[in-house]
N, C-alpha and C. Protein backbone atom coordinates (compact mmCIF):
# COMPACT_ATOMS: atom_id res chain seq x y z
N MET A 1 -49.25 29.04 -14.05
CA MET A 1 -49.57 27.80 -14.72
C MET A 1 -49.23 26.63 -13.79
N HIS A 2 -50.13 25.73 -13.66
CA HIS A 2 -49.95 24.58 -12.77
C HIS A 2 -49.02 23.55 -13.43
N PRO A 3 -48.15 22.91 -12.63
CA PRO A 3 -47.22 21.91 -13.19
C PRO A 3 -47.92 20.78 -13.96
N ARG A 4 -49.14 20.41 -13.51
CA ARG A 4 -49.87 19.37 -14.24
C ARG A 4 -50.14 19.79 -15.68
N ASN A 5 -50.45 21.07 -15.87
CA ASN A 5 -50.72 21.57 -17.22
C ASN A 5 -49.46 21.54 -18.09
N VAL A 6 -48.33 21.84 -17.49
CA VAL A 6 -47.06 21.81 -18.23
C VAL A 6 -46.75 20.37 -18.64
N ILE A 7 -46.88 19.44 -17.71
CA ILE A 7 -46.61 18.03 -18.01
C ILE A 7 -47.58 17.53 -19.07
N SER A 8 -48.84 17.88 -18.94
CA SER A 8 -49.84 17.47 -19.94
C SER A 8 -49.51 18.06 -21.30
N GLY A 9 -49.06 19.30 -21.32
CA GLY A 9 -48.69 19.94 -22.58
C GLY A 9 -47.53 19.23 -23.26
N PHE A 10 -46.49 18.87 -22.48
CA PHE A 10 -45.37 18.14 -23.06
C PHE A 10 -45.80 16.76 -23.54
N THR A 11 -46.68 16.12 -22.81
CA THR A 11 -47.18 14.81 -23.23
C THR A 11 -47.93 14.91 -24.55
N LEU A 12 -48.79 15.93 -24.67
CA LEU A 12 -49.51 16.14 -25.93
C LEU A 12 -48.56 16.46 -27.08
N LEU A 13 -47.57 17.30 -26.82
CA LEU A 13 -46.57 17.61 -27.84
C LEU A 13 -45.84 16.34 -28.28
N TYR A 14 -45.52 15.50 -27.33
CA TYR A 14 -44.77 14.28 -27.63
C TYR A 14 -45.57 13.35 -28.53
N TYR A 15 -46.82 13.13 -28.21
CA TYR A 15 -47.61 12.15 -28.94
C TYR A 15 -48.31 12.70 -30.18
N ASN A 16 -48.49 14.00 -30.27
CA ASN A 16 -49.31 14.54 -31.35
C ASN A 16 -48.57 15.44 -32.34
N THR A 17 -47.26 15.57 -32.23
CA THR A 17 -46.54 16.44 -33.15
C THR A 17 -45.29 15.73 -33.66
N ARG A 18 -44.59 16.39 -34.53
CA ARG A 18 -43.34 15.85 -35.08
C ARG A 18 -42.16 16.13 -34.15
N LEU A 19 -42.40 16.71 -33.01
CA LEU A 19 -41.32 17.00 -32.07
C LEU A 19 -40.83 15.75 -31.35
N ARG A 20 -41.51 14.64 -31.57
CA ARG A 20 -41.19 13.40 -30.86
C ARG A 20 -39.74 12.97 -31.06
N SER A 21 -39.25 13.01 -32.29
CA SER A 21 -37.88 12.56 -32.54
C SER A 21 -36.86 13.47 -31.85
N GLY A 22 -37.13 14.77 -31.83
CA GLY A 22 -36.25 15.69 -31.12
C GLY A 22 -36.28 15.47 -29.62
N MET A 23 -37.47 15.21 -29.10
CA MET A 23 -37.61 14.96 -27.66
C MET A 23 -36.98 13.61 -27.29
N ASP A 24 -37.04 12.64 -28.20
CA ASP A 24 -36.40 11.35 -27.94
C ASP A 24 -34.89 11.50 -27.82
N ARG A 25 -34.33 12.47 -28.50
CA ARG A 25 -32.88 12.70 -28.41
C ARG A 25 -32.47 13.27 -27.06
N MET A 26 -33.42 13.84 -26.33
CA MET A 26 -33.10 14.38 -25.01
C MET A 26 -33.24 13.33 -23.90
N ALA A 27 -33.84 12.17 -24.20
CA ALA A 27 -34.04 11.13 -23.18
C ALA A 27 -32.74 10.65 -22.55
N PRO A 28 -31.66 10.43 -23.33
CA PRO A 28 -30.41 10.00 -22.69
C PRO A 28 -29.86 11.02 -21.68
N VAL A 29 -30.17 12.28 -21.86
CA VAL A 29 -29.73 13.29 -20.89
C VAL A 29 -30.38 13.00 -19.54
N GLY A 30 -31.64 12.59 -19.56
CA GLY A 30 -32.33 12.23 -18.33
C GLY A 30 -31.82 10.95 -17.71
N ARG A 31 -31.41 10.01 -18.54
CA ARG A 31 -30.88 8.75 -18.02
C ARG A 31 -29.50 8.94 -17.39
N MET A 32 -28.84 10.03 -17.75
CA MET A 32 -27.54 10.37 -17.18
C MET A 32 -27.65 11.66 -16.36
N SER A 33 -28.76 11.85 -15.69
CA SER A 33 -29.05 13.14 -15.07
C SER A 33 -28.03 13.56 -14.01
N VAL A 34 -27.56 12.64 -13.18
CA VAL A 34 -26.59 13.01 -12.14
C VAL A 34 -25.25 13.39 -12.77
N THR A 35 -24.82 12.60 -13.75
CA THR A 35 -23.58 12.90 -14.46
C THR A 35 -23.66 14.26 -15.13
N ASN A 36 -24.77 14.53 -15.82
CA ASN A 36 -24.92 15.82 -16.51
C ASN A 36 -25.05 16.98 -15.54
N TYR A 37 -25.75 16.76 -14.43
CA TYR A 37 -25.87 17.82 -13.43
C TYR A 37 -24.50 18.19 -12.87
N MET A 38 -23.71 17.18 -12.54
CA MET A 38 -22.38 17.45 -12.00
C MET A 38 -21.49 18.10 -13.05
N ALA A 39 -21.59 17.64 -14.30
CA ALA A 39 -20.78 18.24 -15.37
C ALA A 39 -21.17 19.70 -15.59
N GLN A 40 -22.48 19.99 -15.59
CA GLN A 40 -22.92 21.38 -15.75
C GLN A 40 -22.40 22.26 -14.61
N SER A 41 -22.42 21.72 -13.41
CA SER A 41 -21.93 22.49 -12.26
C SER A 41 -20.44 22.79 -12.40
N ILE A 42 -19.67 21.78 -12.76
CA ILE A 42 -18.22 21.97 -12.90
C ILE A 42 -17.91 22.94 -14.04
N ILE A 43 -18.58 22.77 -15.17
CA ILE A 43 -18.36 23.66 -16.32
C ILE A 43 -18.79 25.08 -15.99
N GLY A 44 -19.97 25.22 -15.37
CA GLY A 44 -20.48 26.55 -15.03
C GLY A 44 -19.59 27.29 -14.05
N VAL A 45 -19.14 26.59 -13.02
CA VAL A 45 -18.26 27.22 -12.03
C VAL A 45 -16.94 27.62 -12.69
N THR A 46 -16.40 26.72 -13.52
CA THR A 46 -15.13 27.01 -14.19
C THR A 46 -15.24 28.21 -15.13
N LEU A 47 -16.35 28.31 -15.83
CA LEU A 47 -16.50 29.41 -16.79
C LEU A 47 -16.91 30.73 -16.14
N PHE A 48 -17.83 30.69 -15.16
CA PHE A 48 -18.48 31.92 -14.72
C PHE A 48 -18.00 32.47 -13.37
N TYR A 49 -17.39 31.68 -12.52
CA TYR A 49 -16.97 32.18 -11.22
C TYR A 49 -15.63 32.88 -11.29
N GLY A 50 -15.35 33.70 -10.30
CA GLY A 50 -14.14 34.51 -10.28
C GLY A 50 -12.85 33.73 -10.24
N PHE A 51 -12.85 32.55 -9.64
CA PHE A 51 -11.62 31.76 -9.60
C PHE A 51 -11.45 30.92 -10.87
N GLY A 52 -12.38 31.06 -11.81
CA GLY A 52 -12.26 30.41 -13.12
C GLY A 52 -12.04 31.47 -14.18
N ALA A 53 -12.79 31.39 -15.25
CA ALA A 53 -12.65 32.36 -16.35
C ALA A 53 -13.37 33.67 -16.07
N ASN A 54 -14.24 33.71 -15.05
CA ASN A 54 -14.97 34.92 -14.64
C ASN A 54 -15.78 35.54 -15.78
N LEU A 55 -16.40 34.68 -16.60
CA LEU A 55 -17.16 35.17 -17.74
C LEU A 55 -18.46 35.86 -17.34
N ALA A 56 -18.95 35.63 -16.13
CA ALA A 56 -20.18 36.27 -15.69
C ALA A 56 -20.03 37.79 -15.69
N VAL A 57 -18.84 38.27 -15.44
CA VAL A 57 -18.58 39.71 -15.43
C VAL A 57 -18.35 40.23 -16.85
N GLU A 58 -17.77 39.41 -17.68
CA GLU A 58 -17.37 39.82 -19.02
C GLU A 58 -18.50 39.75 -20.05
N LEU A 59 -19.44 38.80 -19.88
CA LEU A 59 -20.48 38.56 -20.88
C LEU A 59 -21.82 39.16 -20.46
N SER A 60 -22.65 39.46 -21.44
CA SER A 60 -24.02 39.91 -21.15
C SER A 60 -24.86 38.70 -20.75
N PHE A 61 -26.08 38.95 -20.28
CA PHE A 61 -26.98 37.86 -19.91
C PHE A 61 -27.29 36.98 -21.11
N LEU A 62 -27.49 37.59 -22.26
CA LEU A 62 -27.77 36.83 -23.48
C LEU A 62 -26.59 35.95 -23.85
N GLN A 63 -25.40 36.47 -23.76
CA GLN A 63 -24.21 35.67 -24.08
C GLN A 63 -24.05 34.51 -23.10
N CYS A 64 -24.33 34.76 -21.82
CA CYS A 64 -24.28 33.68 -20.82
C CYS A 64 -25.31 32.61 -21.14
N LEU A 65 -26.51 33.03 -21.55
CA LEU A 65 -27.55 32.08 -21.95
C LEU A 65 -27.08 31.25 -23.13
N LEU A 66 -26.47 31.89 -24.11
CA LEU A 66 -25.98 31.18 -25.29
C LEU A 66 -24.88 30.18 -24.93
N VAL A 67 -24.01 30.55 -24.01
CA VAL A 67 -22.98 29.61 -23.53
C VAL A 67 -23.66 28.41 -22.88
N GLY A 68 -24.68 28.66 -22.06
CA GLY A 68 -25.42 27.58 -21.42
C GLY A 68 -26.09 26.68 -22.42
N LEU A 69 -26.66 27.24 -23.47
CA LEU A 69 -27.31 26.44 -24.50
C LEU A 69 -26.29 25.60 -25.28
N VAL A 70 -25.11 26.15 -25.51
CA VAL A 70 -24.05 25.39 -26.17
C VAL A 70 -23.63 24.21 -25.29
N VAL A 71 -23.46 24.47 -24.00
CA VAL A 71 -23.09 23.39 -23.06
C VAL A 71 -24.16 22.31 -23.07
N TYR A 72 -25.43 22.71 -23.03
CA TYR A 72 -26.53 21.74 -23.02
C TYR A 72 -26.58 20.95 -24.33
N THR A 73 -26.35 21.61 -25.44
CA THR A 73 -26.33 20.92 -26.74
C THR A 73 -25.21 19.88 -26.78
N VAL A 74 -24.04 20.24 -26.27
CA VAL A 74 -22.93 19.29 -26.21
C VAL A 74 -23.30 18.12 -25.31
N GLN A 75 -23.99 18.40 -24.20
CA GLN A 75 -24.41 17.32 -23.30
C GLN A 75 -25.42 16.39 -23.97
N ILE A 76 -26.32 16.93 -24.77
CA ILE A 76 -27.28 16.09 -25.49
C ILE A 76 -26.52 15.16 -26.44
N LEU A 77 -25.59 15.71 -27.22
CA LEU A 77 -24.82 14.91 -28.17
C LEU A 77 -23.98 13.85 -27.44
N TYR A 78 -23.31 14.27 -26.37
CA TYR A 78 -22.47 13.35 -25.61
C TYR A 78 -23.30 12.26 -24.95
N SER A 79 -24.45 12.61 -24.38
CA SER A 79 -25.30 11.63 -23.71
C SER A 79 -25.83 10.60 -24.70
N ASN A 80 -26.21 11.03 -25.90
CA ASN A 80 -26.66 10.09 -26.93
C ASN A 80 -25.53 9.14 -27.32
N TRP A 81 -24.35 9.67 -27.52
CA TRP A 81 -23.19 8.85 -27.85
C TRP A 81 -22.90 7.85 -26.73
N TRP A 82 -22.90 8.32 -25.50
CA TRP A 82 -22.56 7.48 -24.34
C TRP A 82 -23.57 6.36 -24.14
N MET A 83 -24.86 6.68 -24.19
CA MET A 83 -25.89 5.68 -23.89
C MET A 83 -26.00 4.60 -24.98
N LYS A 84 -25.46 4.86 -26.16
CA LYS A 84 -25.41 3.81 -27.18
C LYS A 84 -24.35 2.77 -26.83
N ARG A 85 -23.39 3.11 -26.00
CA ARG A 85 -22.27 2.24 -25.66
C ARG A 85 -22.35 1.67 -24.25
N TYR A 86 -23.03 2.37 -23.35
CA TYR A 86 -23.05 1.96 -21.94
C TYR A 86 -24.48 1.94 -21.41
N TYR A 87 -24.70 1.14 -20.38
CA TYR A 87 -26.02 1.04 -19.77
C TYR A 87 -26.36 2.25 -18.90
N TYR A 88 -25.35 2.80 -18.25
CA TYR A 88 -25.55 3.90 -17.30
C TYR A 88 -24.53 4.99 -17.55
N GLY A 89 -24.82 6.19 -17.05
CA GLY A 89 -23.82 7.24 -17.03
C GLY A 89 -22.74 6.85 -16.02
N PRO A 90 -21.54 7.45 -16.10
CA PRO A 90 -20.47 7.06 -15.19
C PRO A 90 -20.81 7.26 -13.72
N VAL A 91 -21.42 8.37 -13.38
CA VAL A 91 -21.76 8.63 -11.97
C VAL A 91 -22.91 7.72 -11.54
N GLU A 92 -23.88 7.49 -12.41
CA GLU A 92 -25.01 6.60 -12.09
C GLU A 92 -24.51 5.17 -11.85
N TRP A 93 -23.55 4.72 -12.67
CA TRP A 93 -22.99 3.39 -12.49
C TRP A 93 -22.26 3.29 -11.16
N LEU A 94 -21.42 4.27 -10.87
CA LEU A 94 -20.67 4.27 -9.61
C LEU A 94 -21.63 4.28 -8.43
N TRP A 95 -22.69 5.08 -8.51
CA TRP A 95 -23.69 5.14 -7.45
C TRP A 95 -24.31 3.76 -7.22
N ARG A 96 -24.67 3.06 -8.30
CA ARG A 96 -25.27 1.72 -8.16
C ARG A 96 -24.29 0.74 -7.54
N VAL A 97 -23.04 0.78 -7.98
CA VAL A 97 -22.04 -0.15 -7.43
C VAL A 97 -21.85 0.11 -5.94
N LEU A 98 -21.75 1.37 -5.54
CA LEU A 98 -21.55 1.69 -4.13
C LEU A 98 -22.80 1.44 -3.29
N THR A 99 -23.97 1.47 -3.91
CA THR A 99 -25.21 1.21 -3.19
C THR A 99 -25.42 -0.29 -2.97
N TRP A 100 -25.19 -1.08 -4.01
CA TRP A 100 -25.50 -2.52 -3.95
C TRP A 100 -24.29 -3.37 -3.58
N PHE A 101 -23.09 -2.80 -3.54
CA PHE A 101 -21.86 -3.52 -3.19
C PHE A 101 -21.66 -4.78 -4.02
N LYS A 102 -21.96 -4.69 -5.31
CA LYS A 102 -21.73 -5.82 -6.22
C LYS A 102 -21.45 -5.28 -7.61
N PRO A 103 -20.77 -6.06 -8.43
CA PRO A 103 -20.48 -5.59 -9.79
C PRO A 103 -21.78 -5.48 -10.62
N ILE A 104 -21.84 -4.44 -11.41
CA ILE A 104 -22.99 -4.20 -12.27
C ILE A 104 -22.46 -3.99 -13.69
N ALA A 105 -23.14 -4.64 -14.65
CA ALA A 105 -22.71 -4.49 -16.05
C ALA A 105 -22.71 -3.01 -16.44
N PHE A 106 -21.66 -2.63 -17.12
CA PHE A 106 -21.50 -1.21 -17.48
C PHE A 106 -21.59 -1.02 -18.99
N ARG A 107 -20.86 -1.83 -19.74
CA ARG A 107 -20.75 -1.65 -21.19
C ARG A 107 -21.76 -2.53 -21.92
N ARG A 108 -22.40 -1.94 -22.92
CA ARG A 108 -23.31 -2.72 -23.77
C ARG A 108 -22.48 -3.62 -24.68
N LYS A 109 -23.06 -4.75 -25.04
CA LYS A 109 -22.35 -5.69 -25.92
C LYS A 109 -22.76 -5.51 -27.35
């Protein structure tokens, strides 16, 4: 399947179905993508690698998938909570400050 078809399919789902409200809840995850990517990496390494909890050896593939889905669900909830209070994710804000060398508004009023 070509990526254009996948993108077109999601666009049609967004505009033509009731999935829009659910998909809107995932938008803050994208606005905090670097923060969430780093958090997923830290959580995943801590849970699944040998120097952490080593769950990759202990759990089945399905159980690992379920752990990943739980982590992603928590990230969706946290990202929605965060973006209601702040303009950027913490890592995105730090990146902007270090890029532009000037103060940037962080907290919503």
